[in-house]
Protein backbone atom coordinates (compact mmCIF):
# COMPACT_ATOMS: atom_id res chain seq x y z
CA MET A 1 38.28 -27.98 -42.21
CA ARG A 2 35.94 -30.92 -41.82
CA ILE A 3 32.60 -30.37 -40.13
CA ALA A 4 30.26 -33.10 -38.88
CA LEU A 5 26.65 -32.19 -38.13
CA VAL A 6 24.92 -34.74 -35.93
CA SER A 7 21.36 -35.58 -35.02
CA PRO A 8 22.21 -37.77 -32.01
CA PRO A 9 21.24 -41.42 -31.68
CA TYR A 10 18.32 -42.23 -29.45
CA THR A 11 16.13 -45.19 -28.73
CA ALA A 12 12.40 -45.26 -29.31
CA GLU A 13 12.07 -45.69 -25.55
CA ALA A 14 13.64 -42.27 -25.10
CA LEU A 15 10.75 -40.77 -27.07
CA VAL A 16 7.79 -42.79 -25.84
CA GLY A 17 9.00 -44.06 -22.45
CA LYS A 18 6.69 -46.77 -21.17
CA THR A 19 4.04 -45.97 -23.79
CA ALA A 20 5.65 -48.59 -26.00
CA SER A 21 2.86 -48.89 -28.56
CA MET A 22 3.48 -45.30 -29.72
CA LYS A 23 6.75 -46.39 -31.35
CA VAL A 24 4.95 -47.24 -34.59
CA VAL A 25 3.50 -43.73 -34.94
CA LEU A 26 6.70 -41.76 -34.32
CA ASN A 27 7.35 -38.98 -36.82
CA ILE A 28 10.85 -39.70 -38.15
CA VAL A 29 11.58 -37.10 -40.85
CA PRO A 30 14.76 -35.52 -42.27
CA PRO A 31 16.47 -32.91 -40.02
CA LEU A 32 15.98 -29.78 -42.11
CA GLY A 33 17.83 -27.63 -39.58
CA LEU A 34 21.07 -29.54 -40.12
CA ALA A 35 20.51 -29.55 -43.87
CA TYR A 36 20.26 -25.74 -43.90
CA LEU A 37 23.43 -25.43 -41.81
CA ALA A 38 25.27 -27.81 -44.14
CA ALA A 39 24.15 -25.92 -47.23
CA VAL A 40 25.49 -22.60 -45.91
CA LEU A 41 28.80 -24.19 -44.86
CA GLU A 42 29.19 -26.05 -48.16
CA LYS A 43 28.52 -22.87 -50.10
CA ASP A 44 31.46 -21.31 -48.26
CA GLY A 45 33.73 -24.18 -49.30
CA TYR A 46 33.76 -26.38 -46.20
CA ASP A 47 33.81 -30.18 -46.20
CA VAL A 48 30.57 -31.11 -44.43
CA ARG A 49 28.84 -34.36 -43.58
CA ILE A 50 25.52 -34.95 -41.84
CA PHE A 51 25.10 -37.95 -39.54
CA ASP A 52 21.39 -38.41 -38.94
CA CYS A 53 21.08 -41.12 -36.31
CA SER A 54 17.28 -40.93 -36.17
CA ILE A 55 17.08 -43.69 -38.78
CA GLY A 56 18.65 -46.28 -36.48
CA ILE A 57 22.37 -45.45 -36.26
CA SER A 58 23.66 -46.43 -32.80
CA LEU A 59 26.11 -44.46 -30.70
CA SER A 60 28.90 -46.96 -31.37
CA GLN A 61 28.22 -46.82 -35.12
CA LEU A 62 28.26 -43.02 -35.03
CA MET A 63 31.58 -43.02 -33.19
CA ALA A 64 33.05 -45.34 -35.82
CA HIS A 65 31.89 -43.01 -38.61
CA LEU A 66 33.30 -39.94 -36.86
CA LYS A 67 36.59 -41.62 -36.11
CA GLU A 68 36.95 -42.42 -39.80
CA TYR A 69 35.94 -38.92 -40.92
CA GLN A 70 38.08 -37.06 -38.33
CA PRO A 71 36.12 -33.78 -38.26
CA ASP A 72 37.59 -30.61 -36.80
CA VAL A 73 34.17 -29.39 -35.64
CA VAL A 74 31.23 -31.52 -34.49
CA GLY A 75 27.84 -29.77 -34.32
CA ILE A 76 25.15 -31.58 -32.34
CA THR A 77 21.49 -30.55 -32.45
CA SER A 78 19.13 -31.24 -29.58
CA THR A 79 15.62 -30.70 -28.32
CA THR A 80 14.99 -30.84 -24.58
CA PRO A 81 13.79 -34.48 -24.46
CA ALA A 82 16.79 -35.54 -26.59
CA PHE A 83 19.34 -33.67 -24.49
CA PRO A 84 20.56 -36.69 -22.46
CA ASP A 85 21.32 -38.40 -25.78
CA ALA A 86 23.06 -35.28 -27.10
CA ARG A 87 25.17 -35.16 -23.94
CA ARG A 88 26.17 -38.82 -24.26
CA THR A 89 27.06 -38.20 -27.89
CA ALA A 90 29.27 -35.24 -26.99
CA GLU A 91 31.01 -37.24 -24.27
CA GLY A 92 31.71 -39.99 -26.80
CA VAL A 93 33.08 -37.50 -29.31
CA ARG A 94 35.34 -36.03 -26.63
CA GLN A 95 36.82 -39.48 -26.01
CA ILE A 96 37.61 -40.34 -29.65
CA LEU A 97 38.31 -36.83 -31.00
CA PRO A 98 39.86 -34.87 -28.12
CA LYS A 99 40.91 -31.97 -30.36
CA ALA A 100 37.55 -31.49 -32.07
CA VAL A 101 35.44 -28.46 -31.20
CA ILE A 102 31.99 -29.61 -30.06
CA VAL A 103 29.12 -27.19 -30.74
CA LEU A 104 25.60 -27.57 -29.35
CA GLY A 105 22.65 -26.14 -31.27
CA GLY A 106 18.89 -26.51 -31.46
CA ALA A 107 15.89 -25.79 -29.28
CA HIS A 108 17.30 -26.89 -25.92
CA VAL A 109 20.38 -24.68 -25.80
CA SER A 110 18.36 -21.78 -27.22
CA ALA A 111 15.84 -22.11 -24.38
CA VAL A 112 18.23 -22.79 -21.47
CA PRO A 113 21.79 -21.90 -22.53
CA GLN A 114 23.20 -21.67 -18.99
CA SER A 115 21.96 -25.12 -18.10
CA ALA A 116 22.97 -26.73 -21.40
CA LEU A 117 26.51 -25.28 -21.44
CA SER A 118 27.10 -26.25 -17.82
CA TYR A 119 28.23 -29.61 -19.23
CA ASP A 120 31.86 -29.31 -20.26
CA CYS A 121 31.51 -31.87 -23.05
CA PHE A 122 30.26 -28.90 -25.12
CA ASP A 123 32.65 -26.11 -26.07
CA VAL A 124 30.14 -23.57 -27.33
CA GLY A 125 26.40 -23.19 -27.97
CA VAL A 126 24.68 -21.64 -30.98
CA ILE A 127 21.52 -19.75 -30.03
CA ALA A 128 18.39 -19.31 -32.18
CA GLU A 129 18.74 -19.31 -36.00
CA GLY A 130 22.09 -20.92 -36.51
CA GLU A 131 23.12 -20.73 -40.17
CA PHE A 132 25.21 -17.56 -40.20
CA THR A 133 26.26 -17.87 -36.55
CA MET A 134 27.71 -21.31 -37.30
CA LEU A 135 29.42 -20.05 -40.44
CA GLU A 136 31.08 -17.17 -38.58
CA LEU A 137 32.04 -19.51 -35.73
CA VAL A 138 33.66 -22.03 -38.08
CA ARG A 139 35.61 -19.30 -39.87
CA HIS A 140 36.85 -18.04 -36.50
CA ILE A 141 37.86 -21.53 -35.33
CA GLU A 142 39.77 -22.05 -38.57
CA GLU A 143 41.78 -18.87 -38.01
CA ASP A 144 42.04 -18.52 -34.22
CA GLY A 145 40.61 -21.61 -32.56
CA LEU A 146 38.39 -20.95 -29.55
CA SER A 147 40.15 -17.78 -28.45
CA ASP A 148 38.02 -14.67 -27.94
CA LEU A 149 34.63 -15.72 -29.31
CA THR A 150 32.83 -12.89 -27.55
CA GLY A 151 32.68 -10.82 -30.73
CA ILE A 152 30.49 -13.40 -32.49
CA ALA A 153 26.78 -12.75 -32.01
CA GLY A 154 24.43 -15.55 -31.07
CA LEU A 155 26.68 -17.75 -28.89
CA ALA A 156 26.67 -19.25 -25.41
CA LEU A 157 30.19 -19.57 -23.94
CA ARG A 158 31.95 -20.54 -20.75
CA LYS A 159 34.16 -17.77 -19.40
CA ASP A 160 35.82 -17.67 -15.99
CA GLY A 161 33.70 -20.56 -14.81
CA GLU A 162 30.39 -19.01 -15.88
CA VAL A 163 28.19 -19.39 -18.95
CA ILE A 164 27.79 -16.08 -20.76
CA LEU A 165 25.83 -15.04 -23.83
CA THR A 166 27.19 -12.87 -26.60
CA LYS A 167 24.93 -10.24 -28.12
CA PRO A 168 21.85 -11.66 -29.89
CA ARG A 169 22.05 -12.17 -33.63
CA GLY A 170 19.29 -10.64 -35.70
CA TYR A 171 16.93 -12.91 -37.57
CA ILE A 172 17.41 -13.67 -41.26
CA MET A 173 14.99 -11.28 -42.89
CA ASP A 174 15.30 -12.46 -46.50
CA LEU A 175 15.00 -16.24 -46.34
CA ASP A 176 15.61 -16.47 -50.09
CA THR A 177 19.28 -15.68 -49.37
CA LEU A 178 19.59 -19.17 -47.86
CA PRO A 179 20.56 -21.97 -50.25
CA PHE A 180 18.30 -25.00 -50.56
CA PRO A 181 18.83 -27.43 -47.69
CA ALA A 182 21.66 -29.89 -48.44
CA ARG A 183 19.40 -32.89 -48.83
CA HIS A 184 22.11 -34.67 -50.83
CA LEU A 185 23.98 -35.12 -47.52
CA LEU A 186 21.01 -36.88 -45.90
CA PRO A 187 19.87 -40.49 -46.24
CA PRO A 188 17.29 -41.10 -49.01
CA LEU A 189 13.71 -40.16 -48.20
CA SER A 190 12.78 -43.84 -48.19
CA ALA A 191 14.87 -44.27 -45.01
CA TYR A 192 12.44 -42.13 -43.00
CA SER A 193 9.07 -43.00 -41.47
CA PRO A 194 6.68 -40.08 -40.97
CA THR A 195 3.73 -40.49 -38.66
CA PRO A 196 0.96 -42.50 -40.36
CA ALA A 197 -1.56 -39.69 -39.87
CA SER A 198 0.36 -37.35 -42.17
CA TYR A 199 0.69 -38.97 -45.59
CA ARG A 200 -1.03 -40.71 -48.45
CA LYS A 201 2.04 -41.47 -50.51
CA LEU A 202 5.64 -42.31 -49.70
CA PRO A 203 8.37 -41.20 -49.76
CA LEU A 204 7.42 -37.93 -48.10
CA ALA A 205 9.56 -34.78 -48.02
CA VAL A 206 9.27 -31.95 -45.51
CA LEU A 207 9.70 -28.28 -46.44
CA MET A 208 9.67 -25.05 -44.46
CA THR A 209 8.50 -22.04 -46.44
CA SER A 210 8.52 -19.62 -43.50
CA ARG A 211 9.98 -19.09 -40.05
CA GLY A 212 8.69 -17.50 -36.88
CA CYS A 213 5.29 -17.30 -35.22
CA PRO A 214 3.62 -14.00 -34.27
CA TYR A 215 1.41 -15.57 -31.62
CA LYS A 216 2.08 -15.95 -27.90
CA CYS A 217 0.66 -19.30 -26.78
CA THR A 218 1.72 -19.89 -23.19
CA PHE A 219 2.80 -23.52 -23.75
CA CYS A 220 5.08 -22.83 -26.73
CA ASP A 221 8.76 -21.84 -26.82
CA ARG A 222 9.72 -19.49 -29.66
CA LYS A 223 13.42 -19.06 -28.84
CA VAL A 224 14.73 -20.45 -32.15
CA PHE A 225 12.73 -18.60 -34.83
CA GLY A 226 11.13 -15.91 -32.68
CA ASN A 227 7.86 -14.01 -33.07
CA LEU A 228 8.82 -12.32 -36.33
CA THR A 229 7.33 -14.26 -39.25
CA ARG A 230 9.33 -14.31 -42.47
CA GLY A 231 8.58 -16.28 -45.61
CA HIS A 232 10.26 -17.51 -48.77
CA SER A 233 8.95 -15.96 -51.96
CA PRO A 234 6.43 -18.05 -53.93
CA ASP A 235 8.96 -18.58 -56.72
CA ARG A 236 11.52 -19.92 -54.25
CA VAL A 237 8.91 -22.26 -52.73
CA VAL A 238 7.99 -23.62 -56.14
CA ALA A 239 11.65 -24.14 -57.08
CA GLU A 240 12.34 -26.12 -53.90
CA VAL A 241 9.19 -28.20 -54.44
CA GLU A 242 10.37 -29.03 -57.94
CA GLU A 243 13.75 -30.09 -56.56
CA VAL A 244 12.38 -32.50 -53.97
CA LEU A 245 9.97 -34.00 -56.48
CA ASN A 246 12.38 -34.33 -59.39
CA ARG A 247 15.79 -34.79 -57.77
CA TYR A 248 14.91 -36.60 -54.55
CA GLY A 249 11.90 -38.61 -55.65
CA ALA A 250 9.35 -37.29 -53.17
CA ARG A 251 5.78 -38.34 -53.92
CA GLU A 252 4.23 -36.15 -51.23
CA ILE A 253 5.23 -33.00 -49.34
CA ARG A 254 4.46 -31.79 -45.84
CA PHE A 255 4.91 -28.07 -45.25
CA PHE A 256 6.32 -27.88 -41.75
CA ASP A 257 5.89 -24.14 -41.10
CA ASP A 258 4.40 -23.19 -37.74
CA THR A 259 1.68 -21.29 -39.60
CA PHE A 260 1.81 -22.05 -43.32
CA THR A 261 -1.04 -19.65 -44.18
CA TYR A 262 0.10 -16.69 -42.06
CA ASP A 263 0.13 -14.66 -45.30
CA LYS A 264 -2.98 -15.72 -47.23
CA ASP A 265 -2.02 -13.86 -50.41
CA ARG A 266 1.37 -15.58 -50.49
CA VAL A 267 -0.24 -19.02 -50.20
CA MET A 268 -2.78 -18.14 -52.88
CA GLU A 269 0.11 -17.25 -55.20
CA ILE A 270 1.99 -20.45 -54.32
CA CYS A 271 -1.09 -22.51 -55.15
CA GLU A 272 -1.61 -20.67 -58.43
CA LYS A 273 1.99 -21.40 -59.42
CA PHE A 274 1.60 -25.10 -58.59
CA LEU A 275 -1.41 -25.19 -60.94
CA GLN A 276 0.25 -23.14 -63.68
CA LYS A 277 3.31 -25.40 -63.70
CA GLY A 278 1.25 -28.58 -63.61
CA LEU A 279 2.76 -29.68 -60.30
CA ARG A 280 0.31 -32.34 -59.20
CA PHE A 281 1.31 -33.89 -55.89
CA PRO A 282 -0.43 -34.45 -52.56
CA TRP A 283 0.56 -32.15 -49.72
CA THR A 284 -0.39 -31.21 -46.17
CA CYS A 285 0.39 -28.31 -43.88
CA LEU A 286 0.19 -26.95 -40.34
CA THR A 287 -1.70 -23.74 -39.70
CA ARG A 288 -4.14 -22.05 -37.33
CA VAL A 289 -7.86 -21.41 -37.59
CA SER A 290 -7.55 -17.62 -37.60
CA ALA A 291 -5.22 -17.75 -40.61
CA VAL A 292 -7.59 -19.41 -43.11
CA THR A 293 -10.68 -18.53 -45.12
CA LYS A 294 -12.96 -20.90 -46.97
CA GLU A 295 -11.77 -19.39 -50.26
CA LEU A 296 -8.13 -20.08 -49.36
CA LEU A 297 -8.84 -23.65 -48.26
CA LYS A 298 -10.68 -24.26 -51.53
CA LYS A 299 -7.69 -23.01 -53.53
CA MET A 300 -5.32 -25.19 -51.46
CA LYS A 301 -7.49 -28.24 -52.18
CA GLU A 302 -7.46 -27.41 -55.89
CA ALA A 303 -3.64 -27.21 -55.78
CA GLY A 304 -3.20 -30.65 -54.21
CA CYS A 305 -3.61 -30.15 -50.46
CA TRP A 306 -5.60 -33.00 -48.91
CA GLN A 307 -5.22 -32.33 -45.18
CA VAL A 308 -4.67 -29.43 -42.76
CA LEU A 309 -3.45 -29.63 -39.17
CA TYR A 310 -4.97 -27.07 -36.81
CA GLY A 311 -3.90 -26.35 -33.26
CA LEU A 312 -7.31 -26.37 -31.59
CA GLU A 313 -5.78 -27.01 -28.13
CA SER A 314 -8.99 -27.29 -26.08
CA GLY A 315 -12.73 -27.68 -26.33
CA ASP A 316 -13.25 -25.68 -23.14
CA PRO A 317 -13.53 -21.87 -23.58
CA ARG A 318 -11.98 -21.08 -20.20
CA VAL A 319 -8.94 -23.31 -20.77
CA LEU A 320 -8.54 -22.06 -24.34
CA ALA A 321 -8.47 -18.45 -23.11
CA SER A 322 -5.88 -19.32 -20.46
CA LEU A 323 -3.52 -20.59 -23.16
CA LYS A 324 -3.56 -17.21 -24.97
CA LYS A 325 -4.11 -19.05 -28.23
CA GLY A 326 -6.12 -16.21 -29.73
CA ASN A 327 -8.82 -18.61 -31.02
CA THR A 328 -12.37 -19.07 -29.83
CA ILE A 329 -14.32 -22.32 -29.79
CA GLU A 330 -16.54 -20.85 -32.52
CA GLN A 331 -13.54 -20.05 -34.72
CA ASN A 332 -12.25 -23.57 -34.24
CA GLU A 333 -15.58 -25.06 -35.30
CA GLN A 334 -15.87 -22.76 -38.30
CA ALA A 335 -12.36 -23.49 -39.63
CA VAL A 336 -12.89 -27.25 -39.30
CA ARG A 337 -16.25 -26.98 -41.05
CA TRP A 338 -14.79 -24.90 -43.89
CA ALA A 339 -12.03 -27.46 -44.48
CA GLN A 340 -14.47 -30.35 -44.47
CA GLU A 341 -16.88 -28.53 -46.81
CA VAL A 342 -14.18 -28.05 -49.47
CA GLY A 343 -13.06 -31.68 -49.14
CA LEU A 344 -9.97 -31.41 -46.92
CA GLY A 345 -9.12 -33.83 -44.16
CA VAL A 346 -8.53 -32.31 -40.72
CA ARG A 347 -6.01 -33.23 -38.06
CA ALA A 348 -6.13 -31.38 -34.76
CA ASP A 349 -3.69 -30.91 -31.92
CA PHE A 350 -5.03 -30.59 -28.39
CA ILE A 351 -2.87 -29.89 -25.35
CA VAL A 352 -4.23 -31.47 -22.18
CA GLY A 353 -3.21 -31.07 -18.57
CA THR A 354 -2.28 -27.38 -18.42
CA PRO A 355 -2.74 -25.58 -15.05
CA ALA A 356 -6.30 -24.38 -15.76
CA GLU A 357 -7.47 -27.87 -16.65
CA THR A 358 -10.13 -29.80 -14.72
CA MET A 359 -11.58 -33.26 -15.27
CA GLU A 360 -14.68 -31.56 -16.65
CA SER A 361 -12.66 -29.52 -19.17
CA LEU A 362 -10.77 -32.65 -20.26
CA GLU A 363 -14.04 -34.43 -20.95
CA ARG A 364 -15.34 -31.36 -22.77
CA THR A 365 -12.27 -31.41 -25.05
CA LEU A 366 -12.71 -35.09 -25.84
CA GLU A 367 -16.40 -34.63 -26.66
CA PHE A 368 -15.56 -31.56 -28.76
CA ALA A 369 -13.05 -33.58 -30.83
CA LYS A 370 -15.62 -36.32 -31.42
CA ARG A 371 -18.37 -33.87 -32.33
CA LEU A 372 -16.22 -32.17 -34.99
CA LYS A 373 -15.72 -35.50 -36.79
CA LEU A 374 -11.99 -34.89 -37.07
CA ASP A 375 -9.91 -37.39 -39.01
CA TYR A 376 -7.21 -37.33 -36.35
CA ALA A 377 -7.10 -35.83 -32.87
CA HIS A 378 -3.81 -35.71 -30.98
CA PHE A 379 -4.29 -35.38 -27.23
CA ASN A 380 -0.82 -34.10 -26.38
CA LYS A 381 0.15 -34.18 -22.73
CA PHE A 382 1.34 -30.83 -21.41
CA VAL A 383 5.05 -30.84 -20.59
CA PRO A 384 6.44 -27.68 -18.90
CA PHE A 385 9.36 -27.03 -21.24
CA ALA A 386 11.76 -24.26 -20.26
CA GLY A 387 11.39 -21.10 -22.27
CA THR A 388 7.59 -21.17 -22.21
CA GLU A 389 5.39 -18.76 -20.30
CA LEU A 390 3.71 -21.61 -18.41
CA TYR A 391 7.08 -22.96 -17.29
CA GLU A 392 8.06 -19.59 -15.87
CA GLU A 393 4.72 -19.26 -14.07
CA LEU A 394 4.97 -22.73 -12.53
CA VAL A 395 8.55 -22.18 -11.37
CA ALA A 396 7.51 -18.87 -9.80
CA GLN A 397 4.83 -20.79 -7.90
CA GLY A 398 7.45 -23.13 -6.46
CA HIS A 399 7.34 -26.06 -8.86
CA LYS A 400 10.68 -27.66 -9.72
CA PHE A 401 11.44 -29.56 -12.92
CA GLU A 402 14.60 -31.32 -14.06
CA ILE A 403 14.63 -29.63 -17.43
CA SER A 404 17.22 -31.94 -18.99
CA GLU A 405 15.12 -35.01 -18.17
CA LEU A 406 11.62 -33.95 -19.17
CA PRO A 407 9.69 -36.57 -21.20
CA THR A 408 8.22 -36.04 -24.64
CA ILE A 409 4.53 -35.36 -25.14
CA LEU A 410 4.17 -38.92 -26.52
CA ASP A 411 5.15 -40.57 -23.24
CA HIS A 412 1.75 -40.78 -21.57
CA LYS A 413 3.10 -42.75 -18.62
CA ALA A 414 5.40 -39.94 -17.41
CA THR A 415 3.57 -36.93 -16.00
CA PRO A 416 6.01 -34.30 -14.68
CA TYR A 417 3.09 -31.96 -14.03
CA VAL A 418 -0.50 -32.67 -12.99
CA PRO A 419 -3.10 -29.87 -12.74
CA PRO A 420 -4.03 -29.07 -9.12
CA SER A 421 -7.71 -29.88 -9.70
CA MET A 422 -7.08 -33.61 -10.24
CA THR A 423 -4.97 -36.48 -9.01
CA ALA A 424 -2.17 -38.06 -11.02
CA GLU A 425 -4.27 -41.21 -11.27
CA GLU A 426 -7.24 -39.32 -12.73
CA PHE A 427 -5.06 -37.55 -15.29
CA GLN A 428 -3.34 -40.78 -16.25
CA GLU A 429 -6.70 -42.52 -16.72
CA PHE A 430 -7.80 -39.76 -19.12
CA LEU A 431 -4.57 -40.00 -21.13
CA ASP A 432 -4.97 -43.78 -21.38
CA ARG A 433 -8.60 -43.50 -22.42
CA ALA A 434 -8.79 -40.46 -24.73
CA ASN A 435 -7.22 -42.00 -27.84
CA ARG A 436 -9.14 -45.25 -27.54
CA GLU A 437 -12.43 -43.45 -27.02
CA PHE A 438 -11.85 -41.15 -30.00
CA TYR A 439 -10.41 -43.59 -32.53
CA LEU A 440 -12.19 -46.87 -31.77
CA ARG A 441 -15.72 -45.59 -32.37
CA PRO A 442 -17.35 -47.64 -35.18
CA SER A 443 -18.51 -44.44 -36.91
CA HIS A 444 -14.97 -43.06 -36.92
CA ILE A 445 -13.45 -46.29 -38.21
CA LEU A 446 -15.97 -46.42 -41.06
CA ARG A 447 -15.39 -42.76 -41.92
CA ARG A 448 -11.62 -43.28 -42.02
CA LEU A 449 -11.91 -46.34 -44.27
CA LEU A 450 -14.16 -44.48 -46.69
CA ARG A 451 -11.69 -41.58 -46.87
CA THR A 452 -8.61 -43.76 -47.37
CA ARG A 453 -7.20 -43.34 -50.88
CA THR A 454 -3.87 -45.19 -51.11
CA TRP A 455 -2.18 -48.37 -49.95
CA HIS A 456 0.35 -46.35 -47.94
CA GLU A 457 -2.47 -44.55 -46.17
CA LEU A 458 -4.27 -47.82 -45.41
CA THR A 459 -1.18 -49.48 -43.92
CA GLY A 460 -0.61 -46.35 -41.83
CA GLN A 461 -4.18 -46.57 -40.52
CA ILE A 462 -3.61 -50.17 -39.51
CA LYS A 463 -0.38 -49.29 -37.67
CA GLY A 464 -2.11 -46.49 -35.83
CA ALA A 465 -5.05 -48.72 -34.87
CA PHE A 466 -2.78 -51.33 -33.34
CA ALA A 467 -0.88 -48.63 -31.43
CA ILE A 468 -4.12 -47.36 -29.90
CA ILE A 469 -5.46 -50.81 -29.05
CA ARG A 470 -2.24 -51.56 -27.18
CA LEU A 471 -2.18 -48.32 -25.15
C-alpha cells in the first residue's frame, strides 16, 4: 500500500488575515507529527511519502503530485485555523483519487471530532496520539477496507448517519519505542523559515523530547498529548540531536516540548551529555517559570542554550489567577531574572483578551513586559478554541463561535471574542499598539542590537522591525 501524509496548502493570508505585515514572522517549521507517523509506517514496511505544503506548494501542485503517486490512503493533518484548507484538500483528493481512503488527524479532529467528521470528504478521524492508531488503521484497510473499524481504538467514524468514537487509545508511555521522525521524507531544513525571534543560526531543526502537559491552563487544549507528561531518555535525546546535526545539517535546534524542563534532573543529564560529547550548538526551548531553577538555567546556558520561552500570560495578578496558570507574578519575575543573570535571552508569551481582562489589566501586562526587559514579548490574542475550558464556559454563557472558521492568534484584525469590560474598538486599538509600544522603544532597540550575535539573527531582527512598523 501507498500512503501519503499531507500538511495541507494554505496561504499566508489564512494565517494572518488582514494583519499582512505578520507574514514575515510566521513560524514555518517541519511537521514533526507527520514525520513520526511516517517513521512508524515505514518501519512496518509501507511505502510512505510526506507532502508538506507549508513551504509554498499550492493545491493544484499537490493534486498533481498525488495523482502521480496514486496513494491508497491519504492522511491529512489539521489545526483548527487550517481546517478550511484541510477540507478543500480532502475534497480535491476525493475528485482525483475516488478510491483512496482519506484520514483526518491533528489537533482539530481531536478537539471536535463530531464537527470535523461531519464533512463526508473525510472517511475516518484519528484522535490524539496517532502513530499506532494510524498503523493499526492502515493494516486493517489493507486487509478489510473500511468495514468494521469499531474495534480500533482512537478513531472517529460515521455510522448510521452519526459520528461515533471508538474507545480511547492509551498514551505511548515509553517514547523511546518510537523511531526517529522520518526527516528524510521532508524537504531540506533550508526550505523552512522559523520565526525570526527564535534562532541565531540557520538552518534550524525542531525536536520534541517529551509529550504531554500536567497543567490545566483554561485557554489551552490538551486533547492530543494529554495531561500525562512522558519524556525520551537522555541517551535517546542526544542520539536524535546528533542525527539532525550530522545527517541533516542543522546548525541550531529548538526543543518544541510544551515544558522542556518538566523533569529538571532529566534536563541536567541531557546537558551533561551534550558537554561530555562535545556537542556545541545553539539551542532554545519552551518551558514554564515553575519548572526552572537558577542552577538548571546556568547548566543549560553552559550546554549551549541561549534563549528560553516562558508562558507568562499576564502582568495582572487577577487575570493570571483566572487562567489557572499556576504561576504568580513574583514567580514570573524571578524566573526571568534568573535567566537574565546567567546570560540567557528571554522570550515571553502573553495571552490578551480573555474574559477576565479589562483595559487596565491590558495596560498592566504591557508595562510588566517592558519592565522585565524581555528580548521578545508576544501579545497573543485570545481565540476561544474548542476543547479548552474557556471555550466551554463561554458557550455555556450563550456565546456562539463557528469553530471551523476561527482565526489564528496572529490575525489581530479578527476578534471573534471581546471581553465584556471593553469595546471591540478599544481591544483592537490595544492589539495594534502593544507590539509597537514594546519593540520600538529606543532602549529596547539598543539592547537587542547589543545582544545580536550572528548575521542570521540580525536579518531576523530587521524583518521583525519592519513587520511591527507596518502593523
